[in-house]
Protein backbone atom coordinates (compact mmCIF):
# COMPACT_ATOMS: atom_id res chain seq x y z
CA MET A 1 -25.43 78.13 73.45
CA PRO A 2 -22.63 80.53 72.48
CA GLY A 3 -20.75 79.96 75.74
CA GLU A 4 -20.78 76.19 75.30
CA GLN A 5 -19.72 76.55 71.68
CA LYS A 6 -16.80 78.75 72.72
CA GLN A 7 -15.73 76.25 75.40
CA PHE A 8 -16.00 73.37 72.90
CA MET A 9 -13.87 75.19 70.34
CA LYS A 10 -11.30 75.91 73.05
CA VAL A 11 -11.13 72.18 73.87
CA LEU A 12 -10.60 71.37 70.18
CA GLN A 13 -7.76 73.88 69.96
CA ASP A 14 -5.95 72.43 73.00
CA PRO A 15 -6.31 68.63 73.15
CA THR A 16 -3.91 68.48 76.10
CA SER A 17 -6.21 70.53 78.36
CA GLU A 18 -7.77 68.91 81.42
CA LEU A 19 -11.30 69.07 79.97
CA ALA A 20 -10.17 67.43 76.71
CA ARG A 21 -8.49 64.65 78.69
CA GLN A 22 -11.64 64.09 80.72
CA LEU A 23 -13.77 63.92 77.57
CA LEU A 24 -11.39 61.52 75.81
CA ALA A 25 -11.16 59.27 78.88
CA SER A 26 -14.92 59.10 79.47
CA ASP A 27 -16.65 55.71 79.65
CA GLU A 28 -19.40 56.99 77.36
CA LEU A 29 -16.91 57.70 74.59
CA GLU A 30 -15.24 54.32 75.06
CA ASN A 31 -18.62 52.55 74.85
CA ASP A 32 -19.59 54.33 71.62
CA LEU A 33 -16.18 54.11 69.96
CA ARG A 34 -15.99 51.93 66.86
CA GLY A 35 -12.81 51.07 65.04
CA PRO A 36 -12.59 50.64 61.27
CA TRP A 37 -13.79 47.27 59.96
CA TRP A 38 -10.38 46.34 58.56
CA GLU A 39 -8.84 46.37 62.05
CA ALA A 40 -11.31 43.81 63.41
CA SER A 41 -9.84 40.45 64.33
CA VAL A 42 -10.82 37.51 62.19
CA THR A 43 -13.31 35.17 63.87
CA VAL A 44 -12.19 31.55 63.78
CA GLU A 45 -14.94 29.04 63.00
CA GLY A 46 -15.77 26.74 65.88
CA GLY A 47 -14.77 29.31 68.49
CA THR A 48 -16.93 30.33 71.41
CA GLY A 49 -17.74 33.69 69.82
CA SER A 50 -17.48 35.48 73.13
CA GLU A 51 -15.30 38.54 73.38
CA PRO A 52 -14.16 40.37 76.48
CA ALA A 53 -16.37 43.38 77.31
CA SER A 54 -13.34 45.70 77.10
CA ARG A 55 -12.61 44.80 73.44
CA ARG A 56 -13.10 47.59 70.96
CA ARG A 57 -16.05 47.23 68.62
CA HIS A 58 -15.60 47.61 64.89
CA GLY A 59 -17.77 48.77 62.04
CA LEU A 60 -19.27 46.34 59.58
CA ARG A 61 -17.43 45.33 56.44
CA PRO A 62 -19.19 46.90 53.44
CA ASP A 63 -20.62 44.75 50.68
CA ALA A 64 -18.39 44.20 47.67
CA LEU A 65 -18.83 46.72 44.89
CA ARG A 66 -20.57 45.16 41.90
CA ILE A 67 -19.02 46.28 38.63
CA PRO A 68 -21.24 45.94 35.55
CA SER A 69 -19.76 43.50 33.04
CA MET A 70 -19.81 46.18 30.35
CA LEU A 71 -17.24 48.11 32.40
CA VAL A 72 -14.99 45.11 33.01
CA LYS A 73 -14.61 44.27 29.33
CA PRO A 74 -12.48 46.65 27.26
CA TRP A 75 -14.31 49.02 24.93
CA PRO A 76 -12.54 49.28 21.59
CA SER A 77 -13.99 52.73 20.90
CA GLY A 78 -14.52 53.86 24.51
CA PRO A 79 -12.28 55.35 27.19
CA SER A 80 -9.54 53.00 28.36
CA LEU A 81 -9.78 53.90 32.06
CA THR A 82 -13.52 53.44 32.62
CA TYR A 83 -13.08 50.58 35.07
CA ASN A 84 -10.37 52.38 37.02
CA ILE A 85 -12.45 55.53 37.29
CA CYS A 86 -15.38 53.54 38.69
CA ALA A 87 -13.13 51.62 41.08
CA ILE A 88 -11.69 54.84 42.51
CA TRP A 89 -15.02 56.63 42.71
């Protein structure tokens, strides 16, 4: 609805407002919040595997990028930065 959209945009423009604070402090947001995978703690083998319920969840680590062998080996007549372009992309 246009009124809700206007109120939402107002909250985004003033993150210190009372409504923004209520939204950011909500249990629902805390339950759905996921941190980046690289901030997850390393699990030690042989541990219990149980974490406190208040711990922040993290996303899954992505699979390693597989680079075709033809891009790893230098091409005498090809572009010299092929591997780097693929690694950045």
